[in-house]
Amino acid sequence: MTWVLWAAGAIAVLGAIGVVASRTPVYSVLSLVVNFLGLAGLFLSLHAEFLAVVQIIIYAGAILILFLFVIALLTVRKDPMERSEDGLEGQRHLGIAAAVLVGALLVVVVLSGAPAFFAAEVADDFGTAAAFGRELLVTHVFPFELAAFALMAAVIGVVVLVGRKQS
């Protein structure tokens, strides 16, 4: 099962790089689908089949369709954006430095063994529908409702912005 973990992790990381590196929003969303499928594979490697299915149906399905609708609504009746090579002064250099630092930290953690980190025990009911529902609707109900409100406000904001007539 270790090979599933490493393969799914690599797919998730490559999808995340594709999200950030892509110049067009639609390709970023498609890379996000790859990232979510990699995360579903990580859940499968943890024997959390319910969470893997939720990851695919809710995130890779519904949420990304919402993203595509928002992108489509925002780009209607507009000329293509002019993009410069360097959006902010030094942004590319800081990004590369941050990526190298995170990569170096990951190499140090993996090579040091970190037995306490890698040998963590997973609860017996991890990934089941009952544990997921308990965590979502009892333990973390406020962040869940806050995220739902933020998504609703974003959709309303997009509809209001697109609905304005250009004078």
N, C-alpha and C. Protein backbone atom coordinates (compact mmCIF):
# COMPACT_ATOMS: atom_id res chain seq x y z
N MET A 1 0.82 -1.20 0.00
CA MET A 1 0.00 0.00 0.00
C MET A 1 0.86 1.26 0.00
N THR A 2 2.15 1.11 0.28
CA THR A 2 3.05 2.25 0.29
C THR A 2 3.19 2.86 -1.10
N TRP A 3 3.20 2.02 -2.12
CA TRP A 3 3.35 2.55 -3.47
C TRP A 3 2.14 3.39 -3.86
N VAL A 4 0.95 3.04 -3.36
CA VAL A 4 -0.25 3.85 -3.63
C VAL A 4 -0.09 5.23 -2.99
N LEU A 5 0.44 5.25 -1.78
CA LEU A 5 0.67 6.51 -1.08
C LEU A 5 1.61 7.41 -1.86
N TRP A 6 2.73 6.86 -2.31
CA TRP A 6 3.72 7.67 -3.03
C TRP A 6 3.19 8.10 -4.40
N ALA A 7 2.48 7.21 -5.09
CA ALA A 7 1.94 7.58 -6.41
C ALA A 7 0.87 8.65 -6.27
N ALA A 8 -0.03 8.49 -5.31
CA ALA A 8 -1.08 9.49 -5.11
C ALA A 8 -0.49 10.82 -4.65
N GLY A 9 0.52 10.76 -3.81
CA GLY A 9 1.18 12.00 -3.38
C GLY A 9 1.84 12.72 -4.53
N ALA A 10 2.50 11.96 -5.42
CA ALA A 10 3.14 12.58 -6.58
C ALA A 10 2.11 13.19 -7.51
N ILE A 11 0.98 12.50 -7.72
CA ILE A 11 -0.09 13.04 -8.56
C ILE A 11 -0.65 14.31 -7.95
N ALA A 12 -0.85 14.32 -6.64
CA ALA A 12 -1.39 15.52 -5.97
C ALA A 12 -0.42 16.69 -6.09
N VAL A 13 0.86 16.43 -5.90
CA VAL A 13 1.85 17.51 -5.99
C VAL A 13 1.96 18.03 -7.42
N LEU A 14 1.97 17.13 -8.41
CA LEU A 14 2.04 17.57 -9.81
C LEU A 14 0.80 18.36 -10.20
N GLY A 15 -0.37 17.95 -9.71
CA GLY A 15 -1.58 18.71 -9.97
C GLY A 15 -1.53 20.09 -9.34
N ALA A 16 -0.99 20.18 -8.13
CA ALA A 16 -0.87 21.48 -7.46
C ALA A 16 0.10 22.39 -8.20
N ILE A 17 1.19 21.83 -8.70
CA ILE A 17 2.13 22.64 -9.49
C ILE A 17 1.46 23.12 -10.77
N GLY A 18 0.64 22.26 -11.38
CA GLY A 18 -0.09 22.67 -12.57
C GLY A 18 -1.07 23.79 -12.32
N VAL A 19 -1.70 23.78 -11.14
CA VAL A 19 -2.63 24.86 -10.79
C VAL A 19 -1.90 26.19 -10.74
N VAL A 20 -0.75 26.20 -10.11
CA VAL A 20 -0.01 27.45 -9.93
C VAL A 20 0.70 27.87 -11.21
N ALA A 21 1.21 26.91 -11.97
CA ALA A 21 2.03 27.24 -13.13
C ALA A 21 1.22 27.58 -14.37
N SER A 22 -0.04 27.20 -14.42
CA SER A 22 -0.84 27.43 -15.63
C SER A 22 -1.18 28.91 -15.79
N ARG A 23 -1.18 29.34 -17.04
CA ARG A 23 -1.49 30.75 -17.33
C ARG A 23 -2.97 30.98 -17.58
N THR A 24 -3.69 29.95 -17.94
CA THR A 24 -5.12 30.11 -18.20
C THR A 24 -5.93 29.50 -17.06
N PRO A 25 -7.01 30.17 -16.67
CA PRO A 25 -7.80 29.69 -15.52
C PRO A 25 -8.43 28.31 -15.75
N VAL A 26 -8.84 28.01 -16.96
CA VAL A 26 -9.47 26.71 -17.22
C VAL A 26 -8.46 25.59 -17.03
N TYR A 27 -7.23 25.79 -17.49
CA TYR A 27 -6.20 24.77 -17.28
C TYR A 27 -5.86 24.62 -15.80
N SER A 28 -5.93 25.72 -15.05
CA SER A 28 -5.72 25.63 -13.61
C SER A 28 -6.79 24.77 -12.95
N VAL A 29 -8.03 24.94 -13.38
CA VAL A 29 -9.12 24.13 -12.82
C VAL A 29 -8.94 22.66 -13.19
N LEU A 30 -8.51 22.39 -14.43
CA LEU A 30 -8.27 21.00 -14.81
C LEU A 30 -7.11 20.40 -14.01
N SER A 31 -6.09 21.19 -13.73
CA SER A 31 -5.01 20.70 -12.87
C SER A 31 -5.50 20.47 -11.45
N LEU A 32 -6.46 21.27 -11.02
CA LEU A 32 -7.04 21.08 -9.69
C LEU A 32 -7.81 19.77 -9.61
N VAL A 33 -8.43 19.36 -10.73
CA VAL A 33 -9.08 18.05 -10.78
C VAL A 33 -8.05 16.95 -10.55
N VAL A 34 -6.90 17.06 -11.20
CA VAL A 34 -5.83 16.07 -11.02
C VAL A 34 -5.37 16.06 -9.56
N ASN A 35 -5.24 17.25 -8.97
CA ASN A 35 -4.84 17.36 -7.57
C ASN A 35 -5.86 16.67 -6.67
N PHE A 36 -7.14 16.91 -6.90
CA PHE A 36 -8.18 16.29 -6.07
C PHE A 36 -8.22 14.77 -6.25
N LEU A 37 -7.94 14.29 -7.45
CA LEU A 37 -7.88 12.84 -7.65
C LEU A 37 -6.68 12.25 -6.90
N GLY A 38 -5.57 12.96 -6.86
CA GLY A 38 -4.43 12.52 -6.07
C GLY A 38 -4.75 12.48 -4.58
N LEU A 39 -5.48 13.49 -4.11
CA LEU A 39 -5.89 13.50 -2.70
C LEU A 39 -6.84 12.35 -2.40
N ALA A 40 -7.73 12.03 -3.36
CA ALA A 40 -8.61 10.88 -3.17
C ALA A 40 -7.78 9.60 -3.07
N GLY A 41 -6.73 9.49 -3.86
CA GLY A 41 -5.84 8.35 -3.75
C GLY A 41 -5.15 8.28 -2.40
N LEU A 42 -4.79 9.43 -1.84
CA LEU A 42 -4.20 9.44 -0.50
C LEU A 42 -5.20 8.94 0.54
N PHE A 43 -6.47 9.35 0.40
CA PHE A 43 -7.49 8.83 1.32
C PHE A 43 -7.64 7.32 1.16
N LEU A 44 -7.58 6.84 -0.07
CA LEU A 44 -7.67 5.38 -0.28
C LEU A 44 -6.51 4.65 0.37
N SER A 45 -5.32 5.24 0.33
CA SER A 45 -4.18 4.58 0.96
C SER A 45 -4.31 4.55 2.48
N LEU A 46 -5.15 5.41 3.03
CA LEU A 46 -5.42 5.40 4.47
C LEU A 46 -6.65 4.55 4.82
N HIS A 47 -7.18 3.84 3.84
CA HIS A 47 -8.39 3.02 4.01
C HIS A 47 -9.60 3.86 4.41
N ALA A 48 -9.68 5.07 3.87
CA ALA A 48 -10.82 5.95 4.12
C ALA A 48 -11.60 6.09 2.81
N GLU A 49 -12.28 5.01 2.45
CA GLU A 49 -12.97 4.97 1.17
C GLU A 49 -14.07 6.01 1.07
N PHE A 50 -14.79 6.25 2.16
CA PHE A 50 -15.87 7.24 2.14
C PHE A 50 -15.32 8.63 1.84
N LEU A 51 -14.22 9.00 2.47
CA LEU A 51 -13.63 10.32 2.22
C LEU A 51 -13.10 10.43 0.80
N ALA A 52 -12.60 9.34 0.24
CA ALA A 52 -12.13 9.37 -1.15
C ALA A 52 -13.30 9.61 -2.10
N VAL A 53 -14.41 8.95 -1.86
CA VAL A 53 -15.58 9.14 -2.71
C VAL A 53 -16.13 10.55 -2.55
N VAL A 54 -16.17 11.06 -1.33
CA VAL A 54 -16.62 12.43 -1.10
C VAL A 54 -15.70 13.41 -1.80
N GLN A 55 -14.41 13.15 -1.75
CA GLN A 55 -13.42 14.01 -2.42
C GLN A 55 -13.70 14.08 -3.91
N ILE A 56 -14.01 12.96 -4.52
CA ILE A 56 -14.25 12.93 -5.96
C ILE A 56 -15.60 13.56 -6.30
N ILE A 57 -16.65 13.18 -5.60
CA ILE A 57 -17.99 13.66 -5.96
C ILE A 57 -18.16 15.14 -5.64
N ILE A 58 -17.81 15.54 -4.42
CA ILE A 58 -18.07 16.91 -4.00
C ILE A 58 -17.04 17.87 -4.60
N TYR A 59 -15.77 17.60 -4.38
CA TYR A 59 -14.75 18.56 -4.81
C TYR A 59 -14.46 18.46 -6.30
N ALA A 60 -14.09 17.27 -6.78
CA ALA A 60 -13.74 17.15 -8.20
C ALA A 60 -14.97 17.30 -9.08
N GLY A 61 -16.14 17.09 -8.53
CA GLY A 61 -17.36 17.25 -9.31
C GLY A 61 -17.99 18.62 -9.12
N ALA A 62 -18.67 18.80 -8.01
CA ALA A 62 -19.51 19.99 -7.81
C ALA A 62 -18.72 21.29 -7.67
N ILE A 63 -17.71 21.30 -6.83
CA ILE A 63 -16.98 22.54 -6.57
C ILE A 63 -16.24 23.01 -7.82
N LEU A 64 -15.63 22.10 -8.55
CA LEU A 64 -14.90 22.52 -9.74
C LEU A 64 -15.84 22.95 -10.87
N ILE A 65 -17.04 22.39 -10.92
CA ILE A 65 -18.03 22.88 -11.88
C ILE A 65 -18.42 24.30 -11.51
N LEU A 66 -18.55 24.58 -10.22
CA LEU A 66 -18.82 25.94 -9.77
C LEU A 66 -17.68 26.87 -10.17
N PHE A 67 -16.44 26.44 -10.01
CA PHE A 67 -15.30 27.25 -10.44
C PHE A 67 -15.36 27.54 -11.94
N LEU A 68 -15.69 26.52 -12.73
CA LEU A 68 -15.77 26.73 -14.18
C LEU A 68 -16.88 27.71 -14.55
N PHE A 69 -18.02 27.64 -13.87
CA PHE A 69 -19.10 28.60 -14.12
C PHE A 69 -18.66 30.01 -13.76
N VAL A 70 -17.97 30.16 -12.64
CA VAL A 70 -17.49 31.49 -12.24
C VAL A 70 -16.49 32.02 -13.27
N ILE A 71 -15.59 31.19 -13.73
CA ILE A 71 -14.63 31.62 -14.75
C ILE A 71 -15.36 32.01 -16.02
N ALA A 72 -16.35 31.21 -16.41
CA ALA A 72 -17.11 31.52 -17.62
C ALA A 72 -17.88 32.82 -17.48
N LEU A 73 -18.46 33.05 -16.31
CA LEU A 73 -19.22 34.28 -16.10
C LEU A 73 -18.32 35.51 -16.05
N LEU A 74 -17.14 35.36 -15.49
CA LEU A 74 -16.23 36.50 -15.38
C LEU A 74 -15.57 36.86 -16.71
N THR A 75 -15.44 35.91 -17.60
CA THR A 75 -14.75 36.19 -18.85
C THR A 75 -15.70 36.43 -20.01
N VAL A 76 -17.00 36.52 -19.75
CA VAL A 76 -17.97 36.78 -20.82
C VAL A 76 -17.84 38.22 -21.28
N ARG A 77 -17.87 38.42 -22.59
CA ARG A 77 -17.85 39.74 -23.23
C ARG A 77 -16.65 40.58 -22.82
N LYS A 78 -15.52 39.97 -22.68
CA LYS A 78 -14.31 40.72 -22.32
C LYS A 78 -13.20 40.34 -23.27
N ASP A 79 -12.35 41.29 -23.53
CA ASP A 79 -11.16 41.03 -24.33
C ASP A 79 -10.16 40.27 -23.47
N PRO A 80 -9.28 39.52 -24.10
CA PRO A 80 -8.27 38.81 -23.31
C PRO A 80 -7.40 39.79 -22.52
N MET A 81 -7.03 39.35 -21.32
CA MET A 81 -6.21 40.21 -20.46
C MET A 81 -4.79 40.26 -20.98
N GLU A 82 -4.21 41.44 -20.88
CA GLU A 82 -2.80 41.59 -21.20
C GLU A 82 -2.01 41.23 -19.96
N ARG A 83 -1.08 40.33 -20.10
CA ARG A 83 -0.28 39.92 -18.95
C ARG A 83 1.17 40.26 -19.20
N SER A 84 1.78 40.84 -18.20
CA SER A 84 3.20 41.10 -18.30
C SER A 84 3.96 39.87 -17.81
N GLU A 85 5.22 39.80 -18.10
CA GLU A 85 6.03 38.67 -17.68
C GLU A 85 6.17 38.59 -16.17
N ASP A 86 6.40 39.73 -15.54
CA ASP A 86 6.62 39.76 -14.10
C ASP A 86 5.53 40.62 -13.46
N GLY A 87 4.53 39.98 -12.82
CA GLY A 87 3.41 40.71 -12.25
C GLY A 87 3.84 41.69 -11.17
N LEU A 88 4.59 41.24 -10.22
CA LEU A 88 5.11 42.08 -9.16
C LEU A 88 6.63 41.98 -9.17
N GLU A 89 7.27 43.06 -8.81
CA GLU A 89 8.73 43.09 -8.82
C GLU A 89 9.30 42.05 -7.84
N GLY A 90 10.08 41.12 -8.34
CA GLY A 90 10.72 40.13 -7.49
C GLY A 90 9.84 38.97 -7.08
N GLN A 91 8.62 38.90 -7.56
CA GLN A 91 7.69 37.85 -7.15
C GLN A 91 8.20 36.47 -7.58
N ARG A 92 8.72 36.37 -8.77
CA ARG A 92 9.20 35.08 -9.26
C ARG A 92 10.38 34.59 -8.42
N HIS A 93 11.29 35.48 -8.07
CA HIS A 93 12.47 35.09 -7.29
C HIS A 93 12.07 34.64 -5.88
N LEU A 94 11.13 35.36 -5.26
CA LEU A 94 10.67 34.95 -3.93
C LEU A 94 9.94 33.62 -3.98
N GLY A 95 9.18 33.37 -5.03
CA GLY A 95 8.48 32.10 -5.18
C GLY A 95 9.45 30.94 -5.34
N ILE A 96 10.47 31.14 -6.15
CA ILE A 96 11.48 30.09 -6.34
C ILE A 96 12.23 29.83 -5.04
N ALA A 97 12.57 30.90 -4.31
CA ALA A 97 13.26 30.73 -3.03
C ALA A 97 12.39 29.99 -2.03
N ALA A 98 11.10 30.31 -1.98
CA ALA A 98 10.19 29.62 -1.06
C ALA A 98 10.05 28.15 -1.44
N ALA A 99 9.97 27.84 -2.74
CA ALA A 99 9.86 26.45 -3.18
C ALA A 99 11.12 25.66 -2.83
N VAL A 100 12.28 26.27 -3.00
CA VAL A 100 13.53 25.58 -2.65
C VAL A 100 13.59 25.33 -1.14
N LEU A 101 13.17 26.31 -0.35
CA LEU A 101 13.18 26.15 1.11
C LEU A 101 12.24 25.03 1.56
N VAL A 102 11.03 25.00 1.01
CA VAL A 102 10.08 23.94 1.37
C VAL A 102 10.60 22.58 0.92
N GLY A 103 11.17 22.51 -0.27
CA GLY A 103 11.75 21.25 -0.75
C GLY A 103 12.88 20.78 0.15
N ALA A 104 13.74 21.70 0.57
CA ALA A 104 14.84 21.33 1.46
C ALA A 104 14.31 20.84 2.81
N LEU A 105 13.29 21.49 3.33
CA LEU A 105 12.70 21.04 4.59
C LEU A 105 12.08 19.66 4.45
N LEU A 106 11.43 19.38 3.33
CA LEU A 106 10.86 18.05 3.11
C LEU A 106 11.94 16.98 3.04
N VAL A 107 13.04 17.29 2.36
CA VAL A 107 14.14 16.34 2.26
C VAL A 107 14.73 16.06 3.64
N VAL A 108 14.90 17.11 4.45
CA VAL A 108 15.44 16.93 5.80
C VAL A 108 14.52 16.06 6.64
N VAL A 109 13.21 16.29 6.57
CA VAL A 109 12.27 15.51 7.37
C VAL A 109 12.26 14.05 6.93
N VAL A 110 12.25 13.82 5.62
CA VAL A 110 12.21 12.44 5.13
C VAL A 110 13.51 11.71 5.46
N LEU A 111 14.65 12.36 5.28
CA LEU A 111 15.93 11.70 5.54
C LEU A 111 16.20 11.49 7.02
N SER A 112 15.65 12.36 7.88
CA SER A 112 15.87 12.19 9.31
C SER A 112 15.06 11.05 9.88
N GLY A 113 14.11 10.57 9.11
CA GLY A 113 13.31 9.45 9.59
C GLY A 113 12.04 9.91 10.28
N ALA A 114 12.17 10.83 11.19
CA ALA A 114 11.04 11.36 11.95
C ALA A 114 10.05 10.25 12.31
N PRO A 115 10.49 9.26 13.11
CA PRO A 115 9.65 8.09 13.37
C PRO A 115 8.32 8.44 14.02
N ALA A 116 8.29 9.45 14.87
CA ALA A 116 7.03 9.80 15.52
C ALA A 116 6.03 10.34 14.51
N PHE A 117 6.51 11.01 13.48
CA PHE A 117 5.63 11.58 12.47
C PHE A 117 5.07 10.51 11.55
N PHE A 118 5.91 9.57 11.12
CA PHE A 118 5.50 8.57 10.15
C PHE A 118 4.79 7.38 10.79
N ALA A 119 4.96 7.18 12.08
CA ALA A 119 4.37 6.02 12.74
C ALA A 119 3.10 6.38 13.50
N ALA A 120 2.45 7.48 13.14
CA ALA A 120 1.24 7.89 13.84
C ALA A 120 0.13 6.86 13.59
N GLU A 121 -0.58 6.54 14.63
CA GLU A 121 -1.68 5.58 14.53
C GLU A 121 -2.93 6.28 14.03
N VAL A 122 -3.66 5.59 13.18
CA VAL A 122 -4.92 6.11 12.65
C VAL A 122 -6.05 5.45 13.43
N ALA A 123 -7.05 6.24 13.79
CA ALA A 123 -8.18 5.71 14.55
C ALA A 123 -8.91 4.64 13.74
N ASP A 124 -9.56 3.71 14.44
CA ASP A 124 -10.25 2.61 13.76
C ASP A 124 -11.40 3.11 12.89
N ASP A 125 -12.08 4.17 13.32
CA ASP A 125 -13.23 4.66 12.55
C ASP A 125 -12.86 5.80 11.60
N PHE A 126 -11.56 5.99 11.32
CA PHE A 126 -11.13 7.05 10.42
C PHE A 126 -11.68 6.80 9.02
N GLY A 127 -12.31 7.82 8.45
CA GLY A 127 -12.81 7.74 7.09
C GLY A 127 -14.20 7.18 6.95
N THR A 128 -14.82 6.77 8.05
CA THR A 128 -16.18 6.26 7.95
C THR A 128 -17.17 7.42 7.90
N ALA A 129 -18.37 7.12 7.44
CA ALA A 129 -19.39 8.16 7.32
C ALA A 129 -19.76 8.72 8.69
N ALA A 130 -19.80 7.87 9.70
CA ALA A 130 -20.17 8.33 11.05
C ALA A 130 -19.12 9.27 11.61
N ALA A 131 -17.85 8.92 11.47
CA ALA A 131 -16.78 9.79 11.98
C ALA A 131 -16.74 11.10 11.21
N PHE A 132 -16.92 11.03 9.89
CA PHE A 132 -16.92 12.24 9.07
C PHE A 132 -18.07 13.16 9.47
N GLY A 133 -19.27 12.60 9.62
CA GLY A 133 -20.42 13.40 10.02
C GLY A 133 -20.26 14.00 11.40
N ARG A 134 -19.71 13.23 12.32
CA ARG A 134 -19.49 13.73 13.68
C ARG A 134 -18.51 14.90 13.68
N GLU A 135 -17.41 14.76 12.95
CA GLU A 135 -16.43 15.84 12.89
C GLU A 135 -16.97 17.07 12.18
N LEU A 136 -17.72 16.86 11.11
CA LEU A 136 -18.20 17.98 10.30
C LEU A 136 -19.35 18.71 10.96
N LEU A 137 -20.31 17.97 11.50
CA LEU A 137 -21.54 18.59 11.97
C LEU A 137 -21.62 18.76 13.48
N VAL A 138 -20.64 18.27 14.21
CA VAL A 138 -20.63 18.47 15.66
C VAL A 138 -19.38 19.24 16.08
N THR A 139 -18.22 18.70 15.75
CA THR A 139 -16.97 19.31 16.20
C THR A 139 -16.66 20.59 15.44
N HIS A 140 -16.83 20.57 14.12
CA HIS A 140 -16.44 21.71 13.28
C HIS A 140 -17.63 22.32 12.57
N VAL A 141 -18.74 22.49 13.25
CA VAL A 141 -19.94 23.01 12.57
C VAL A 141 -19.80 24.48 12.20
N PHE A 142 -19.12 25.28 13.02
CA PHE A 142 -18.98 26.71 12.71
C PHE A 142 -18.12 26.94 11.46
N PRO A 143 -16.92 26.33 11.35
CA PRO A 143 -16.17 26.51 10.10
C PRO A 143 -16.90 25.97 8.88
N PHE A 144 -17.67 24.90 9.04
CA PHE A 144 -18.45 24.35 7.93
C PHE A 144 -19.49 25.36 7.46
N GLU A 145 -20.21 25.95 8.37
CA GLU A 145 -21.21 26.96 8.01
C GLU A 145 -20.55 28.21 7.45
N LEU A 146 -19.40 28.58 7.99
CA LEU A 146 -18.68 29.76 7.49
C LEU A 146 -18.21 29.54 6.05
N ALA A 147 -17.73 28.36 5.74
CA ALA A 147 -17.32 28.05 4.37
C ALA A 147 -18.52 28.06 3.42
N ALA A 148 -19.65 27.54 3.86
CA ALA A 148 -20.86 27.57 3.03
C ALA A 148 -21.30 29.00 2.78
N PHE A 149 -21.23 29.85 3.80
CA PHE A 149 -21.60 31.25 3.64
C PHE A 149 -20.65 31.97 2.69
N ALA A 150 -19.35 31.69 2.80
CA ALA A 150 -18.38 32.33 1.92
C ALA A 150 -18.60 31.92 0.46
N LEU A 151 -18.89 30.63 0.21
CA LEU A 151 -19.19 30.20 -1.15
C LEU A 151 -20.45 30.86 -1.69
N MET A 152 -21.48 30.98 -0.86
CA MET A 152 -22.71 31.63 -1.29
C MET A 152 -22.47 33.10 -1.60
N ALA A 153 -21.70 33.78 -0.77
CA ALA A 153 -21.40 35.19 -1.01
C ALA A 153 -20.59 35.37 -2.28
N ALA A 154 -19.67 34.45 -2.56
CA ALA A 154 -18.88 34.54 -3.79
C ALA A 154 -19.75 34.36 -5.02
N VAL A 155 -20.66 33.41 -4.98
CA VAL A 155 -21.55 33.19 -6.13
C VAL A 155 -22.45 34.40 -6.34
N ILE A 156 -22.99 34.95 -5.28
CA ILE A 156 -23.85 36.15 -5.40
C ILE A 156 -23.03 37.32 -5.94
N GLY A 157 -21.80 37.47 -5.46
CA GLY A 157 -20.94 38.54 -5.96
C GLY A 157 -20.65 38.41 -7.44
N VAL A 158 -20.40 37.20 -7.91
CA VAL A 158 -20.14 36.99 -9.34
C VAL A 158 -21.38 37.32 -10.16
N VAL A 159 -22.54 36.90 -9.68
CA VAL A 159 -23.78 37.19 -10.42
C VAL A 159 -24.03 38.69 -10.47
N VAL A 160 -23.78 39.39 -9.38
CA VAL A 160 -23.97 40.85 -9.37
C VAL A 160 -22.97 41.53 -10.30
N LEU A 161 -21.71 41.11 -10.27
CA LEU A 161 -20.70 41.71 -11.14
C LEU A 161 -20.99 41.48 -12.61
N VAL A 162 -21.41 40.29 -12.95
CA VAL A 162 -21.68 39.97 -14.35
C VAL A 162 -22.97 40.63 -14.82
N GLY A 163 -23.91 40.78 -13.91
CA GLY A 163 -25.21 41.34 -14.28
C GLY A 163 -25.19 42.83 -14.54
N ARG A 164 -24.14 43.54 -14.19
CA ARG A 164 -24.08 44.98 -14.42
C ARG A 164 -23.95 45.28 -15.89
N LYS A 165 -24.65 46.31 -16.33
CA LYS A 165 -24.57 46.74 -17.73
C LYS A 165 -23.40 47.68 -17.87
N GLN A 166 -22.64 47.50 -18.95
CA GLN A 166 -21.52 48.40 -19.24
C GLN A 166 -22.06 49.66 -19.90
N SER A 167 -21.76 50.82 -19.33
CA SER A 167 -22.27 52.07 -19.89
C SER A 167 -21.24 52.77 -20.72
